C-alpha cells in the first residue's frame, strides 16, 4: 500500500514537472507572424546589443559583445537624430587591464540631482569574477572611467538599476557558468536580486528562475524585474531598509528580458524571445517587443509592437522607445531601429 502511494506521488510530481517543462519550452509553438510598427533598419550586423538605454534627445548608450568566455566587448553610442549613427565610445583613463570590458552585459545610468552629472554602470564578465564598471558620461559623450566595483556575491550577474551614487539593485540570473543551458532546463530557482549599498552587496530576493531585466518606476517606489524562466513580470516595493517586497506578478506569455521605462508615461518596453525551444536548439531565434502600459505602478495592458521570426533580428533582449522610434537589441547578433507610425494611447 505504501509503495503504491509513493509511486502515485512520484508519478504525479513527474507528470506535473513534464507539463511545466512542456509549457516552458513552447513545444506547441513554431510559426511567428512578423509585426512591424514602421520601416526597420539594421544598424549592427554582429556582436549584439544586449542592453540599450536612452539618455537624452535621441542619444542612446549600448553594450555590445556579450560573452562569458572573457572576450572584450564595446560600449557604443547611437544617435537617432543623426541618421542612426553608431559610434564606439571613447573612454578616458581606462585601466590597463587585459580583461577590461570583458563581456559587457546590463547597463544603467543615474543622474546626480545636485551636480547634474550622469553616471553609467556596466556589468562585465572577466573570468575571475564579475565587475561593475563605473563611468561619468561627459557632455562630449565620452566616458570618464571612475572605478570598478567588485563583491564576492557578484557571480554571473545579468542586469542592474542604479538608484543612487554607487548604489544599485542587480540580478543574478544563473549559478553555474559552465552549465548555463543545463541550469535553464532544470527549472531550478537559483536566481535572485542583490542590493549594493556603496560598500557591499546583500541578497534581497531569492528563489527566482533566471531573473533578467530590472528597472525602477519613475516615482522610485517600485522595482520591476523580469523572470525569464517563468515569463513573469514582477513588481517589487522598496521598503525603508532598501529590501524588496513582491507586490504583484503577471505572466506575460513570452520570454521577457531587459526592461526600459518611459520616464513620462511610465510604460515598460521589453525585449523578448517568444519560443524557448528555438533558443535551446540553436534554431532561428524569434524576437518580440512588448509595450506594457502601467497605471499606478501596476500592469494595465500589454501589446506587441514588433515581432520577427529571427531573420531580421535573432533573439531580442532589449527595446527602448525614443524620438518616435524603437531600438531593438539582441544578445549576440543584430540591432535594429524601427519607425513607430502609431501607438495606442494610454487609458
Protein backbone atom coordinates (compact mmCIF):
# COMPACT_ATOMS: atom_id res chain seq x y z
CA UNK A 1 0.00 0.00 0.00
CA UNK A 2 2.76 2.43 0.97
CA UNK A 3 4.64 1.54 -2.21
CA UNK A 4 1.59 2.40 -4.34
CA UNK A 5 1.14 5.74 -2.56
CA UNK A 6 4.80 6.59 -3.12
CA UNK A 7 4.55 5.56 -6.79
CA UNK A 8 1.44 7.68 -7.34
CA UNK A 9 3.05 10.66 -5.60
CA UNK A 10 6.22 10.35 -7.66
CA UNK A 11 4.23 9.88 -10.85
CA UNK A 12 2.15 12.97 -10.07
CA UNK A 13 5.24 15.02 -9.32
CA UNK A 14 6.92 13.84 -12.52
CA UNK A 15 3.83 14.46 -14.65
CA UNK A 16 3.44 17.97 -13.25
CA UNK A 17 7.12 18.66 -13.97
CA UNK A 18 6.63 17.36 -17.51
CA UNK A 19 3.66 19.69 -18.08
CA UNK A 20 5.55 22.69 -16.69
CA UNK A 21 8.59 21.82 -18.81
CA UNK A 22 6.43 21.40 -21.93
CA UNK A 23 4.83 24.80 -21.38
CA UNK A 24 8.22 26.42 -20.69
CA UNK A 25 9.68 25.04 -23.94
CA UNK A 26 6.68 26.26 -26.01
CA UNK A 27 6.54 22.88 -27.76
CA UNK A 28 3.26 23.75 -29.41
CA UNK A 29 4.67 26.93 -30.98
CA UNK A 30 6.56 27.20 -34.24
CA UNK A 31 5.25 29.84 -36.64
CA UNK A 32 5.87 33.50 -35.78
CA UNK A 33 3.89 36.24 -37.50
CA UNK A 34 6.06 39.24 -38.35
CA UNK A 35 4.83 42.57 -36.96
CA UNK A 36 6.38 45.92 -37.92
CA UNK A 37 5.48 49.32 -36.43
CA UNK A 38 7.08 51.03 -39.44
CA UNK A 39 10.20 50.85 -41.57
CA UNK A 40 13.08 48.99 -39.87
CA UNK A 41 16.81 49.45 -40.46
CA UNK A 42 19.67 47.22 -39.33
CA UNK A 43 22.36 49.25 -37.55
CA UNK A 44 24.50 46.39 -36.25
CA UNK A 45 25.07 43.08 -38.04
CA UNK A 46 27.10 41.10 -35.49
CA UNK A 47 28.01 41.14 -31.81
CA UNK A 48 24.61 42.07 -30.48
CA UNK A 49 23.48 44.93 -28.27
CA UNK A 50 22.38 43.08 -25.14
CA UNK A 51 21.30 46.24 -23.34
CA UNK A 52 20.37 49.73 -24.50
CA UNK A 53 19.31 52.85 -22.62
CA UNK A 54 18.15 56.29 -23.78
CA UNK A 55 19.91 59.20 -22.08
CA UNK A 56 18.86 62.41 -23.89
CA UNK A 57 17.41 63.74 -27.16
CA UNK A 58 17.54 60.52 -29.13
CA UNK A 59 21.03 59.56 -27.90
CA UNK A 60 21.31 56.02 -26.55
CA UNK A 61 24.10 54.00 -24.95
CA UNK A 62 24.58 50.33 -25.84
CA UNK A 63 26.60 47.39 -24.51
CA UNK A 64 27.82 45.17 -27.34
CA UNK A 65 29.79 41.93 -27.47
CA UNK A 66 28.36 39.98 -24.53
CA UNK A 67 30.40 36.87 -23.73
CA UNK A 68 31.08 34.62 -20.75
CA UNK A 69 34.43 33.48 -22.20
CA UNK A 70 36.39 36.64 -21.43
CA UNK A 71 36.11 38.23 -24.90
CA UNK A 72 36.32 42.03 -24.90
CA UNK A 73 33.26 44.00 -25.94
CA UNK A 74 32.43 47.65 -26.57
CA UNK A 75 30.27 50.46 -25.27
CA UNK A 76 28.69 52.37 -28.12
CA UNK A 77 26.52 55.44 -28.71
CA UNK A 78 23.56 55.53 -31.07
CA UNK A 79 22.33 58.92 -32.28
CA UNK A 80 18.82 58.63 -33.70
CA UNK A 81 18.79 62.31 -34.72
CA UNK A 82 21.94 61.86 -36.82
CA UNK A 83 20.89 59.19 -39.31
CA UNK A 84 21.03 56.43 -36.67
CA UNK A 85 24.79 56.88 -36.38
CA UNK A 86 26.51 54.22 -34.25
CA UNK A 87 29.86 55.19 -32.67
CA UNK A 88 32.17 53.37 -30.22
CA UNK A 89 32.51 55.47 -27.08
CA UNK A 90 35.91 56.89 -26.23
CA UNK A 91 36.94 56.02 -22.68
CA UNK A 92 39.24 58.43 -20.84
CA UNK A 93 41.68 56.98 -18.28
CA UNK A 94 40.62 53.40 -18.99
CA UNK A 95 42.53 50.90 -16.81
CA UNK A 96 45.26 48.85 -18.49
CA UNK A 97 43.73 45.51 -17.55
CA UNK A 98 43.56 42.98 -20.36
CA UNK A 99 40.09 41.95 -19.22
CA UNK A 100 38.65 45.47 -19.08
CA UNK A 101 35.15 45.40 -20.64
CA UNK A 102 35.12 41.61 -20.91
CA UNK A 103 31.60 40.63 -21.95
CA UNK A 104 29.66 43.85 -21.21
CA UNK A 105 26.13 42.97 -20.17
CA UNK A 106 23.44 45.01 -18.37
CA UNK A 107 23.80 48.79 -18.14
CA UNK A 108 22.12 51.55 -16.13
CA UNK A 109 22.51 55.32 -15.76
CA UNK A 110 21.95 57.60 -12.78
CA UNK A 111 21.94 61.39 -12.76
CA UNK A 112 23.11 63.23 -9.65
CA UNK A 113 20.32 65.70 -8.77
CA UNK A 114 22.81 68.08 -7.14
CA UNK A 115 25.55 68.25 -9.79
CA UNK A 116 23.64 67.03 -12.89
CA UNK A 117 26.47 64.55 -13.53
CA UNK A 118 25.38 61.45 -15.41
CA UNK A 119 26.95 58.13 -14.36
CA UNK A 120 26.95 54.86 -16.30
CA UNK A 121 27.14 51.45 -14.59
CA UNK A 122 28.11 48.41 -16.69
CA UNK A 123 28.17 44.73 -15.68
CA UNK A 124 31.19 42.89 -17.16
CA UNK A 125 32.25 39.24 -17.02
CA UNK A 126 36.01 38.74 -16.53
CA UNK A 127 36.87 35.09 -15.98
CA UNK A 128 37.81 35.54 -12.31
CA UNK A 129 34.54 37.22 -11.33
CA UNK A 130 32.05 39.88 -12.36
CA UNK A 131 32.70 43.60 -12.08
CA UNK A 132 30.54 46.69 -12.33
CA UNK A 133 32.48 49.36 -14.20
CA UNK A 134 31.56 52.96 -13.33
CA UNK A 135 31.90 55.90 -15.72
CA UNK A 136 30.85 59.52 -15.92
CA UNK A 137 29.13 60.38 -19.19
CA UNK A 138 30.67 63.70 -20.21
CA UNK A 139 28.89 66.41 -22.19
CA UNK A 140 31.03 65.42 -25.18
CA UNK A 141 29.56 61.91 -24.90
CA UNK A 142 32.91 60.50 -23.91
CA UNK A 143 33.19 58.22 -20.89
CA UNK A 144 35.41 59.10 -17.94
CA UNK A 145 36.40 55.91 -16.13
CA UNK A 146 35.90 56.25 -12.37
CA UNK A 147 36.18 52.89 -10.65
CA UNK A 148 35.48 49.16 -10.73
CA UNK A 149 33.10 47.64 -8.18
CA UNK A 150 33.56 44.03 -7.11
CA UNK A 151 31.88 41.91 -4.45
CA UNK A 152 32.12 38.21 -3.54
CA UNK A 153 28.40 37.87 -4.35
CA UNK A 154 28.80 39.15 -7.93
CA UNK A 155 28.79 35.91 -9.91
CA UNK A 156 27.08 35.75 -13.30
CA UNK A 157 25.03 38.88 -12.79
CA UNK A 158 22.67 39.96 -15.57
CA UNK A 159 21.25 43.46 -15.24
CA UNK A 160 21.20 46.34 -12.77
CA UNK A 161 19.39 49.56 -11.99
CA UNK A 162 21.24 52.40 -10.31
CA UNK A 163 19.27 54.11 -7.52
CA UNK A 164 21.99 56.42 -6.14
CA UNK A 165 25.70 57.18 -6.33
CA UNK A 166 27.28 53.69 -6.46
CA UNK A 167 24.04 52.15 -5.19
CA UNK A 168 22.08 49.68 -7.26
CA UNK A 169 19.89 46.60 -7.42
CA UNK A 170 21.41 43.81 -9.53
CA UNK A 171 20.05 40.47 -10.76
CA UNK A 172 21.87 37.16 -10.56
CA UNK A 173 20.31 35.01 -13.28
CA UNK A 174 22.36 31.80 -13.13
CA UNK A 175 24.73 29.99 -10.79
CA UNK A 176 26.86 27.61 -12.90
CA UNK A 177 28.99 29.37 -15.54
CA UNK A 178 29.87 26.20 -17.50
CA UNK A 179 26.38 24.70 -17.40
CA UNK A 180 24.11 27.60 -18.26
CA UNK A 181 21.76 25.65 -20.54
CA UNK A 182 21.51 22.73 -18.09
CA UNK A 183 20.57 25.17 -15.34
CA UNK A 184 17.92 26.70 -17.59
CA UNK A 185 16.26 23.38 -18.41
CA UNK A 186 16.43 22.13 -14.81
CA UNK A 187 13.84 24.79 -13.86
CA UNK A 188 15.67 25.15 -10.53
CA UNK A 189 15.37 28.58 -8.96
CA UNK A 190 18.94 29.62 -8.18
CA UNK A 191 18.47 33.28 -9.18
CA UNK A 192 17.94 36.33 -7.03
CA UNK A 193 18.31 40.09 -6.62
CA UNK A 194 21.04 41.85 -4.64
CA UNK A 195 21.33 45.39 -3.31
CA UNK A 196 24.72 47.11 -3.34
CA UNK A 197 24.80 49.99 -0.84
CA UNK A 198 28.07 51.59 -1.93
CA UNK A 199 30.21 49.25 0.18
CA UNK A 200 28.89 45.72 -0.08
CA UNK A 201 26.12 43.62 -1.57
CA UNK A 202 23.40 41.63 0.15
CA UNK A 203 20.65 39.42 -1.20
CA UNK A 204 17.17 40.94 -1.00
CA UNK A 205 15.15 38.43 -3.08
CA UNK A 206 15.85 34.76 -3.79
CA UNK A 207 14.15 31.78 -5.40
CA UNK A 208 13.71 33.11 -8.97
CA UNK A 209 14.27 31.09 -12.15
CA UNK A 210 16.57 33.19 -14.34
CA UNK A 211 15.72 36.78 -13.31
CA UNK A 212 16.94 39.02 -16.11
CA UNK A 213 15.99 42.65 -16.64
CA UNK A 214 15.48 45.11 -13.81
CA UNK A 215 14.41 48.75 -13.68
CA UNK A 216 12.63 51.27 -11.46
CA UNK A 217 9.35 53.19 -11.71
CA UNK A 218 9.51 56.96 -12.41
CA UNK A 219 8.39 57.71 -8.83
CA UNK A 220 11.22 55.47 -7.49
CA UNK A 221 8.82 53.41 -5.37
CA UNK A 222 8.72 50.15 -7.33
CA UNK A 223 11.34 47.87 -8.82
CA UNK A 224 10.33 45.90 -11.91
CA UNK A 225 12.06 42.62 -12.72
CA UNK A 226 11.58 40.01 -15.44
CA UNK A 227 11.79 36.32 -14.51
CA UNK A 228 12.64 34.71 -17.83
CA UNK A 229 12.19 31.17 -16.53
CA UNK A 230 8.52 31.76 -15.64
CA UNK A 231 7.75 34.51 -18.21
CA UNK A 232 6.71 36.69 -15.27
CA UNK A 233 6.94 40.44 -14.89
CA UNK A 234 7.11 41.30 -11.21
CA UNK A 235 6.55 44.48 -9.21
CA UNK A 236 8.65 44.77 -6.04
CA UNK A 237 8.10 47.53 -3.49
CA UNK A 238 11.18 49.17 -1.97
CA UNK A 239 10.82 49.31 1.82
CA UNK A 240 12.53 51.65 4.29
CA UNK A 241 15.55 49.33 4.58
CA UNK A 242 16.00 49.03 0.79
CA UNK A 243 14.68 45.48 0.89
CA UNK A 244 12.23 44.36 -1.79
CA UNK A 245 8.71 43.06 -1.19
CA UNK A 246 6.92 41.40 -4.11
CA UNK A 247 3.59 43.15 -4.64
CA UNK A 248 2.41 41.52 -7.86
CA UNK A 249 3.41 39.10 -10.63
CA UNK A 250 1.97 38.93 -14.16
CA UNK A 251 2.56 36.11 -16.64
CA UNK A 252 3.37 37.72 -20.00
CA UNK A 253 3.33 34.52 -22.06
CA UNK A 254 6.74 35.25 -23.58
CA UNK A 255 10.42 35.03 -22.60
CA UNK A 256 10.95 38.57 -21.38
CA UNK A 257 14.39 40.09 -20.84
CA UNK A 258 15.56 43.68 -20.30
CA UNK A 259 13.17 46.46 -19.24
CA UNK A 260 13.30 50.10 -20.31
CA UNK A 261 10.96 52.57 -18.57
CA UNK A 262 9.45 55.56 -20.35
CA UNK A 263 10.12 58.43 -17.89
CA UNK A 264 7.00 60.33 -18.96
CA UNK A 265 4.28 57.69 -19.33
CA UNK A 266 5.79 55.03 -17.06
CA UNK A 267 5.30 52.43 -19.84
CA UNK A 268 7.68 49.48 -19.90
CA UNK A 269 9.40 48.43 -23.11
CA UNK A 270 10.67 44.87 -23.01
CA UNK A 271 12.66 42.73 -25.44
CA UNK A 272 11.60 39.10 -25.53
CA UNK A 273 12.06 35.71 -27.21
CA UNK A 274 8.61 34.14 -27.68
CA UNK A 275 9.65 30.49 -28.34
CA UNK A 276 12.05 28.96 -25.82
CA UNK A 277 12.89 25.68 -27.59
CA UNK A 278 14.36 27.55 -30.55
CA UNK A 279 16.86 29.18 -28.19
CA UNK A 280 17.94 25.85 -26.71
CA UNK A 281 18.13 24.09 -30.09
CA UNK A 282 20.14 26.88 -31.71
CA UNK A 283 17.44 27.31 -34.35
CA UNK A 284 16.38 30.62 -35.87
CA UNK A 285 15.58 32.58 -32.71
CA UNK A 286 12.47 34.78 -32.97
CA UNK A 287 12.20 38.26 -31.49
CA UNK A 288 9.45 40.27 -29.88
CA UNK A 289 8.99 43.71 -28.35
CA UNK A 290 6.15 44.27 -25.93
CA UNK A 291 4.91 47.54 -24.53
CA UNK A 292 3.45 47.23 -21.03
CA UNK A 293 1.16 50.09 -20.09
CA UNK A 294 1.24 50.91 -16.41
CA UNK A 295 -1.27 52.54 -14.09
CA UNK A 296 -0.22 53.37 -10.53
CA UNK A 297 2.83 51.12 -10.99
CA UNK A 298 0.68 48.12 -11.94
CA UNK A 299 0.14 46.46 -15.31
CA UNK A 300 -2.81 47.90 -17.16
CA UNK A 301 -2.38 46.45 -20.65
CA UNK A 302 0.20 44.68 -22.82
CA UNK A 303 0.65 44.89 -26.57
CA UNK A 304 3.10 43.54 -29.14
CA UNK A 305 4.82 46.39 -31.01
CA UNK A 306 7.33 44.35 -33.01
CA UNK A 307 7.74 40.67 -33.81
CA UNK A 308 10.10 38.78 -36.10
CA UNK A 309 10.79 35.15 -36.97
CA UNK A 310 14.52 35.68 -36.43
CA UNK A 311 15.59 36.69 -39.92
CA UNK A 312 15.57 40.42 -39.25
CA UNK A 313 16.88 40.19 -35.68
CA UNK A 314 17.62 36.99 -33.78
CA UNK A 315 16.72 36.70 -30.11
CA UNK A 316 15.86 40.23 -29.00
CA UNK A 317 16.98 41.10 -25.48
CA UNK A 318 16.04 44.78 -25.13
CA UNK A 319 13.90 47.52 -26.64
CA UNK A 320 13.52 51.19 -25.91
CA UNK A 321 11.35 53.94 -27.37
CA UNK A 322 12.91 57.31 -28.18
CA UNK A 323 12.48 60.08 -30.76
CA UNK A 324 9.49 58.31 -32.31
CA UNK A 325 11.45 55.10 -32.91
CA UNK A 326 12.15 51.83 -31.19
CA UNK A 327 15.68 50.49 -30.86
CA UNK A 328 15.83 46.71 -30.54
CA UNK A 329 18.96 44.83 -29.48
CA UNK A 330 19.86 41.16 -29.30
CA UNK A 331 22.22 39.10 -27.16
CA UNK A 332 24.82 38.27 -29.80
CA UNK A 333 23.50 39.20 -33.22
CA UNK A 334 21.84 42.26 -34.74
CA UNK A 335 20.50 45.58 -33.54
CA UNK A 336 17.79 47.45 -35.44
CA UNK A 337 15.90 50.75 -35.42
CA UNK A 338 12.23 50.91 -36.43
CA UNK A 339 9.98 53.88 -37.07
CA UNK A 340 6.85 53.81 -34.91
CA UNK A 341 3.99 55.11 -37.01
CA UNK A 342 1.29 54.53 -34.42
CA UNK A 343 0.89 53.77 -30.72
CA UNK A 344 -2.37 53.20 -28.91
CA UNK A 345 -2.95 55.92 -26.30
CA UNK A 346 -2.73 55.27 -22.58
CA UNK A 347 -6.08 54.90 -20.83
